[in-house]
Amino acid sequence: MADSFDVSMATGETRLLFDHLAAEAHFGASVFWLRRLAALDGEQAAVEYWQVKRGGQRRGIVEIDMEAS
């Protein structure tokens, strides 16, 4: 998310996506999100890091790019 993103502005089901436990309970998905500033080595490095599970298997990652639509 953009560094200026304010999660308190999200409402309804959208707000649930930014609460890991609520997203898992409501959508059945593990949702992890971060602001660009937290991607220390850049966005691509962060995605590649989180795509690998502890055991070495790869997990699927979905990116939603609202600017591209």
PDB file of N, CA and C in Angstrom:
ATOM      1  N   MET A   1       0.844  -1.165   0.000  1.00  0.00           N
ATOM      2  CA  MET A   1       0.000   0.000   0.000  1.00  0.00           C
ATOM      3  C   MET A   1       0.897   1.238   0.000  1.00  0.00           C
ATOM      4  N   ALA A   2       0.343   2.327  -0.462  1.00  0.00           N
ATOM      5  CA  ALA A   2       1.076   3.586  -0.446  1.00  0.00           C
ATOM      6  C   ALA A   2       1.423   3.946   1.000  1.00  0.00           C
ATOM      7  N   ASP A   3       2.520   4.641   1.188  1.00  0.00           N
ATOM      8  CA  ASP A   3       2.939   5.033   2.533  1.00  0.00           C
ATOM      9  C   ASP A   3       1.887   5.882   3.226  1.00  0.00           C
ATOM     10  N   SER A   4       1.107   6.608   2.454  1.00  0.00           N
ATOM     11  CA  SER A   4       0.086   7.484   3.021  1.00  0.00           C
ATOM     12  C   SER A   4      -1.234   6.765   3.314  1.00  0.00           C
ATOM     13  N   PHE A   5      -1.308   5.470   3.002  1.00  0.00           N
ATOM     14  CA  PHE A   5      -2.544   4.716   3.200  1.00  0.00           C
ATOM     15  C   PHE A   5      -2.974   4.765   4.664  1.00  0.00           C
ATOM     16  N   ASP A   6      -4.255   5.052   4.897  1.00  0.00           N
ATOM     17  CA  ASP A   6      -4.821   5.122   6.238  1.00  0.00           C
ATOM     18  C   ASP A   6      -5.879   4.033   6.361  1.00  0.00           C
ATOM     19  N   VAL A   7      -5.531   2.948   7.039  1.00  0.00           N
ATOM     20  CA  VAL A   7      -6.438   1.804   7.150  1.00  0.00           C
ATOM     21  C   VAL A   7      -7.755   2.183   7.824  1.00  0.00           C
ATOM     22  N   SER A   8      -7.757   3.214   8.638  1.00  0.00           N
ATOM     23  CA  SER A   8      -8.996   3.613   9.309  1.00  0.00           C
ATOM     24  C   SER A   8     -10.028   4.160   8.327  1.00  0.00           C
ATOM     25  N   MET A   9      -9.612   4.477   7.119  1.00  0.00           N
ATOM     26  CA  MET A   9     -10.542   4.975   6.105  1.00  0.00           C
ATOM     27  C   MET A   9     -11.276   3.834   5.387  1.00  0.00           C
ATOM     28  N   ALA A  10     -10.791   2.604   5.531  1.00  0.00           N
ATOM     29  CA  ALA A  10     -11.444   1.451   4.899  1.00  0.00           C
ATOM     30  C   ALA A  10     -12.688   1.082   5.697  1.00  0.00           C
ATOM     31  N   THR A  11     -13.749   0.684   4.985  1.00  0.00           N
ATOM     32  CA  THR A  11     -15.006   0.339   5.647  1.00  0.00           C
ATOM     33  C   THR A  11     -15.533  -0.994   5.134  1.00  0.00           C
ATOM     34  N   GLY A  12     -16.491  -1.546   5.831  1.00  0.00           N
ATOM     35  CA  GLY A  12     -17.176  -2.762   5.410  1.00  0.00           C
ATOM     36  C   GLY A  12     -16.237  -3.940   5.220  1.00  0.00           C
ATOM     37  N   GLU A  13     -16.509  -4.733   4.187  1.00  0.00           N
ATOM     38  CA  GLU A  13     -15.691  -5.912   3.922  1.00  0.00           C
ATOM     39  C   GLU A  13     -14.258  -5.530   3.583  1.00  0.00           C
ATOM     40  N   THR A  14     -14.069  -4.371   2.984  1.00  0.00           N
ATOM     41  CA  THR A  14     -12.721  -3.922   2.661  1.00  0.00           C
ATOM     42  C   THR A  14     -11.886  -3.812   3.930  1.00  0.00           C
ATOM     43  N   ARG A  15     -12.463  -3.305   4.981  1.00  0.00           N
ATOM     44  CA  ARG A  15     -11.754  -3.144   6.251  1.00  0.00           C
ATOM     45  C   ARG A  15     -11.291  -4.497   6.782  1.00  0.00           C
ATOM     46  N   LEU A  16     -12.090  -5.542   6.565  1.00  0.00           N
ATOM     47  CA  LEU A  16     -11.731  -6.882   7.040  1.00  0.00           C
ATOM     48  C   LEU A  16     -10.426  -7.383   6.417  1.00  0.00           C
ATOM     49  N   LEU A  17     -10.143  -6.944   5.204  1.00  0.00           N
ATOM     50  CA  LEU A  17      -8.913  -7.380   4.532  1.00  0.00           C
ATOM     51  C   LEU A  17      -7.653  -6.917   5.257  1.00  0.00           C
ATOM     52  N   PHE A  18      -7.754  -5.867   6.034  1.00  0.00           N
ATOM     53  CA  PHE A  18      -6.589  -5.311   6.707  1.00  0.00           C
ATOM     54  C   PHE A  18      -6.453  -5.791   8.145  1.00  0.00           C
ATOM     55  N   ASP A  19      -7.278  -6.769   8.522  1.00  0.00           N
ATOM     56  CA  ASP A  19      -7.195  -7.429   9.833  1.00  0.00           C
ATOM     57  C   ASP A  19      -6.988  -8.911   9.538  1.00  0.00           C
ATOM     58  N   HIS A  20      -5.777  -9.402   9.769  1.00  0.00           N
ATOM     59  CA  HIS A  20      -5.416 -10.759   9.350  1.00  0.00           C
ATOM     60  C   HIS A  20      -6.413 -11.817   9.821  1.00  0.00           C
ATOM     61  N   LEU A  21      -6.735 -11.828  11.114  1.00  0.00           N
ATOM     62  CA  LEU A  21      -7.647 -12.846  11.642  1.00  0.00           C
ATOM     63  C   LEU A  21      -9.054 -12.701  11.083  1.00  0.00           C
ATOM     64  N   ALA A  22      -9.522 -11.476  10.941  1.00  0.00           N
ATOM     65  CA  ALA A  22     -10.864 -11.252  10.388  1.00  0.00           C
ATOM     66  C   ALA A  22     -10.914 -11.685   8.928  1.00  0.00           C
ATOM     67  N   ALA A  23      -9.868 -11.403   8.166  1.00  0.00           N
ATOM     68  CA  ALA A  23      -9.828 -11.798   6.752  1.00  0.00           C
ATOM     69  C   ALA A  23      -9.841 -13.316   6.616  1.00  0.00           C
ATOM     70  N   GLU A  24      -9.103 -13.983   7.479  1.00  0.00           N
ATOM     71  CA  GLU A  24      -9.077 -15.443   7.422  1.00  0.00           C
ATOM     72  C   GLU A  24     -10.447 -16.023   7.769  1.00  0.00           C
ATOM     73  N   ALA A  25     -11.091 -15.475   8.790  1.00  0.00           N
ATOM     74  CA  ALA A  25     -12.405 -15.974   9.201  1.00  0.00           C
ATOM     75  C   ALA A  25     -13.477 -15.671   8.164  1.00  0.00           C
ATOM     76  N   HIS A  26     -13.465 -14.473   7.600  1.00  0.00           N
ATOM     77  CA  HIS A  26     -14.527 -14.048   6.685  1.00  0.00           C
ATOM     78  C   HIS A  26     -14.304 -14.520   5.248  1.00  0.00           C
ATOM     79  N   PHE A  27     -13.069 -14.399   4.760  1.00  0.00           N
ATOM     80  CA  PHE A  27     -12.779 -14.714   3.358  1.00  0.00           C
ATOM     81  C   PHE A  27     -12.081 -16.054   3.170  1.00  0.00           C
ATOM     82  N   GLY A  28     -11.586 -16.653   4.266  1.00  0.00           N
ATOM     83  CA  GLY A  28     -10.848 -17.904   4.155  1.00  0.00           C
ATOM     84  C   GLY A  28      -9.479 -17.708   3.519  1.00  0.00           C
ATOM     85  N   ALA A  29      -8.899 -16.532   3.699  1.00  0.00           N
ATOM     86  CA  ALA A  29      -7.607 -16.226   3.077  1.00  0.00           C
ATOM     87  C   ALA A  29      -6.682 -15.583   4.093  1.00  0.00           C
ATOM     88  N   SER A  30      -5.409 -15.920   3.997  1.00  0.00           N
ATOM     89  CA  SER A  30      -4.395 -15.254   4.812  1.00  0.00           C
ATOM     90  C   SER A  30      -3.978 -13.999   4.069  1.00  0.00           C
ATOM     91  N   VAL A  31      -4.263 -12.865   4.653  1.00  0.00           N
ATOM     92  CA  VAL A  31      -3.953 -11.593   4.000  1.00  0.00           C
ATOM     93  C   VAL A  31      -2.861 -10.890   4.801  1.00  0.00           C
ATOM     94  N   PHE A  32      -1.765 -10.632   4.131  1.00  0.00           N
ATOM     95  CA  PHE A  32      -0.666  -9.869   4.722  1.00  0.00           C
ATOM     96  C   PHE A  32      -0.473  -8.653   3.839  1.00  0.00           C
ATOM     97  N   TRP A  33      -0.396  -7.513   4.420  1.00  0.00           N
ATOM     98  CA  TRP A  33      -0.210  -6.298   3.635  1.00  0.00           C
ATOM     99  C   TRP A  33       0.845  -5.441   4.301  1.00  0.00           C
ATOM    100  N   LEU A  34       1.434  -4.571   3.515  1.00  0.00           N
ATOM    101  CA  LEU A  34       2.416  -3.645   4.063  1.00  0.00           C
ATOM    102  C   LEU A  34       2.465  -2.387   3.224  1.00  0.00           C
ATOM    103  N   ARG A  35       2.970  -1.350   3.833  1.00  0.00           N
ATOM    104  CA  ARG A  35       3.165  -0.094   3.114  1.00  0.00           C
ATOM    105  C   ARG A  35       4.476  -0.169   2.336  1.00  0.00           C
ATOM    106  N   ARG A  36       4.590   0.583   1.263  1.00  0.00           N
ATOM    107  CA  ARG A  36       5.803   0.560   0.439  1.00  0.00           C
ATOM    108  C   ARG A  36       7.054   0.812   1.263  1.00  0.00           C
ATOM    109  N   LEU A  37       6.970   1.705   2.219  1.00  0.00           N
ATOM    110  CA  LEU A  37       8.109   2.037   3.059  1.00  0.00           C
ATOM    111  C   LEU A  37       8.644   0.805   3.795  1.00  0.00           C
ATOM    112  N   ALA A  38       7.774  -0.136   4.117  1.00  0.00           N
ATOM    113  CA  ALA A  38       8.177  -1.339   4.842  1.00  0.00           C
ATOM    114  C   ALA A  38       8.860  -2.366   3.949  1.00  0.00           C
ATOM    115  N   ALA A  39       8.768  -2.212   2.646  1.00  0.00           N
ATOM    116  CA  ALA A  39       9.430  -3.120   1.698  1.00  0.00           C
ATOM    117  C   ALA A  39      10.875  -2.635   1.532  1.00  0.00           C
ATOM    118  N   LEU A  40      11.702  -2.963   2.497  1.00  0.00           N
ATOM    119  CA  LEU A  40      13.040  -2.382   2.602  1.00  0.00           C
ATOM    120  C   LEU A  40      13.895  -2.534   1.351  1.00  0.00           C
ATOM    121  N   ASP A  41      13.823  -3.680   0.704  1.00  0.00           N
ATOM    122  CA  ASP A  41      14.615  -3.901  -0.512  1.00  0.00           C
ATOM    123  C   ASP A  41      13.791  -3.690  -1.773  1.00  0.00           C
ATOM    124  N   GLY A  42      12.627  -3.082  -1.645  1.00  0.00           N
ATOM    125  CA  GLY A  42      11.754  -2.834  -2.778  1.00  0.00           C
ATOM    126  C   GLY A  42      10.586  -3.798  -2.806  1.00  0.00           C
ATOM    127  N   GLU A  43       9.580  -3.442  -3.579  1.00  0.00           N
ATOM    128  CA  GLU A  43       8.354  -4.242  -3.642  1.00  0.00           C
ATOM    129  C   GLU A  43       8.596  -5.645  -4.181  1.00  0.00           C
ATOM    130  N   GLN A  44       9.367  -5.759  -5.252  1.00  0.00           N
ATOM    131  CA  GLN A  44       9.599  -7.076  -5.849  1.00  0.00           C
ATOM    132  C   GLN A  44      10.314  -8.006  -4.871  1.00  0.00           C
ATOM    133  N   ALA A  45      11.291  -7.504  -4.147  1.00  0.00           N
ATOM    134  CA  ALA A  45      12.012  -8.318  -3.162  1.00  0.00           C
ATOM    135  C   ALA A  45      11.071  -8.773  -2.051  1.00  0.00           C
ATOM    136  N   ALA A  46      10.168  -7.892  -1.620  1.00  0.00           N
ATOM    137  CA  ALA A  46       9.213  -8.250  -0.573  1.00  0.00           C
ATOM    138  C   ALA A  46       8.278  -9.361  -1.056  1.00  0.00           C
ATOM    139  N   VAL A  47       7.782  -9.249  -2.273  1.00  0.00           N
ATOM    140  CA  VAL A  47       6.903 -10.283  -2.832  1.00  0.00           C
ATOM    141  C   VAL A  47       7.642 -11.610  -2.928  1.00  0.00           C
ATOM    142  N   GLU A  48       8.853 -11.583  -3.434  1.00  0.00           N
ATOM    143  CA  GLU A  48       9.634 -12.825  -3.566  1.00  0.00           C
ATOM    144  C   GLU A  48       9.908 -13.459  -2.213  1.00  0.00           C
ATOM    145  N   TYR A  49      10.183 -12.648  -1.202  1.00  0.00           N
ATOM    146  CA  TYR A  49      10.436 -13.174   0.140  1.00  0.00           C
ATOM    147  C   TYR A  49       9.187 -13.853   0.696  1.00  0.00           C
ATOM    148  N   TRP A  50       8.047 -13.175   0.639  1.00  0.00           N
ATOM    149  CA  TRP A  50       6.814 -13.712   1.218  1.00  0.00           C
ATOM    150  C   TRP A  50       6.225 -14.854   0.403  1.00  0.00           C
ATOM    151  N   GLN A  51       6.694 -15.049  -0.817  1.00  0.00           N
ATOM    152  CA  GLN A  51       6.165 -16.119  -1.656  1.00  0.00           C
ATOM    153  C   GLN A  51       6.696 -17.487  -1.249  1.00  0.00           C
ATOM    154  N   VAL A  52       7.761 -17.533  -0.462  1.00  0.00           N
ATOM    155  CA  VAL A  52       8.366 -18.805  -0.060  1.00  0.00           C
ATOM    156  C   VAL A  52       7.940 -19.146   1.365  1.00  0.00           C
ATOM    157  N   LYS A  53       7.354 -20.349   1.522  1.00  0.00           N
ATOM    158  CA  LYS A  53       6.937 -20.814   2.840  1.00  0.00           C
ATOM    159  C   LYS A  53       8.157 -21.278   3.631  1.00  0.00           C
ATOM    160  N   ARG A  54       7.975 -21.496   4.924  1.00  0.00           N
ATOM    161  CA  ARG A  54       9.077 -21.951   5.783  1.00  0.00           C
ATOM    162  C   ARG A  54       9.724 -23.221   5.264  1.00  0.00           C
ATOM    163  N   GLY A  55       8.931 -24.132   4.726  1.00  0.00           N
ATOM    164  CA  GLY A  55       9.447 -25.405   4.230  1.00  0.00           C
ATOM    165  C   GLY A  55      10.070 -25.314   2.844  1.00  0.00           C
ATOM    166  N   GLY A  56      10.059 -24.137   2.240  1.00  0.00           N
ATOM    167  CA  GLY A  56      10.667 -23.950   0.927  1.00  0.00           C
ATOM    168  C   GLY A  56       9.676 -23.954  -0.227  1.00  0.00           C
ATOM    169  N   GLN A  57       8.432 -24.429   0.020  1.00  0.00           N
ATOM    170  CA  GLN A  57       7.436 -24.414  -1.049  1.00  0.00           C
ATOM    171  C   GLN A  57       7.018 -22.972  -1.330  1.00  0.00           C
ATOM    172  N   ARG A  58       6.497 -22.779  -2.529  1.00  0.00           N
ATOM    173  CA  ARG A  58       6.050 -21.440  -2.911  1.00  0.00           C
ATOM    174  C   ARG A  58       4.548 -21.325  -2.687  1.00  0.00           C
ATOM    175  N   ARG A  59       4.113 -20.165  -2.272  1.00  0.00           N
ATOM    176  CA  ARG A  59       2.687 -19.898  -2.080  1.00  0.00           C
ATOM    177  C   ARG A  59       2.237 -18.915  -3.155  1.00  0.00           C
ATOM    178  N   GLY A  60       0.968 -18.951  -3.448  1.00  0.00           N
ATOM    179  CA  GLY A  60       0.416 -18.013  -4.414  1.00  0.00           C
ATOM    180  C   GLY A  60       0.261 -16.636  -3.796  1.00  0.00           C
ATOM    181  N   ILE A  61       0.507 -15.632  -4.583  1.00  0.00           N
ATOM    182  CA  ILE A  61       0.361 -14.255  -4.124  1.00  0.00           C
ATOM    183  C   ILE A  61      -0.513 -13.526  -5.132  1.00  0.00           C
ATOM    184  N   VAL A  62      -1.454 -12.769  -4.642  1.00  0.00           N
ATOM    185  CA  VAL A  62      -2.337 -11.986  -5.497  1.00  0.00           C
ATOM    186  C   VAL A  62      -2.040 -10.517  -5.249  1.00  0.00           C
ATOM    187  N   GLU A  63      -1.811  -9.793  -6.313  1.00  0.00           N
ATOM    188  CA  GLU A  63      -1.598  -8.349  -6.202  1.00  0.00           C
ATOM    189  C   GLU A  63      -2.782  -7.652  -6.836  1.00  0.00           C
ATOM    190  N   ILE A  64      -3.322  -6.684  -6.142  1.00  0.00           N
ATOM    191  CA  ILE A  64      -4.418  -5.892  -6.680  1.00  0.00           C
ATOM    192  C   ILE A  64      -3.867  -4.504  -6.937  1.00  0.00           C
ATOM    193  N   ASP A  65      -3.849  -4.121  -8.208  1.00  0.00           N
ATOM    194  CA  ASP A  65      -3.303  -2.826  -8.617  1.00  0.00           C
ATOM    195  C   ASP A  65      -4.447  -1.978  -9.123  1.00  0.00           C
ATOM    196  N   MET A  66      -4.954  -1.113  -8.259  1.00  0.00           N
ATOM    197  CA  MET A  66      -6.099  -0.280  -8.592  1.00  0.00           C
ATOM    198  C   MET A  66      -5.741   0.763  -9.656  1.00  0.00           C
ATOM    199  N   GLU A  67      -4.469   1.132  -9.753  1.00  0.00           N
ATOM    200  CA  GLU A  67      -4.048   2.121 -10.738  1.00  0.00           C
ATOM    201  C   GLU A  67      -4.084   1.550 -12.154  1.00  0.00           C
ATOM    202  N   ALA A  68      -3.990   0.241 -12.288  1.00  0.00           N
ATOM    203  CA  ALA A  68      -3.959  -0.380 -13.606  1.00  0.00           C
ATOM    204  C   ALA A  68      -5.351  -0.543 -14.202  1.00  0.00           C
ATOM    205  N   SER A  69      -6.397  -0.415 -13.392  1.00  0.00           N
ATOM    206  CA  SER A  69      -7.753  -0.654 -13.904  1.00  0.00           C
ATOM    207  C   SER A  69      -8.365   0.566 -14.536  1.00  0.00           C
TER     208      SER A  69
END
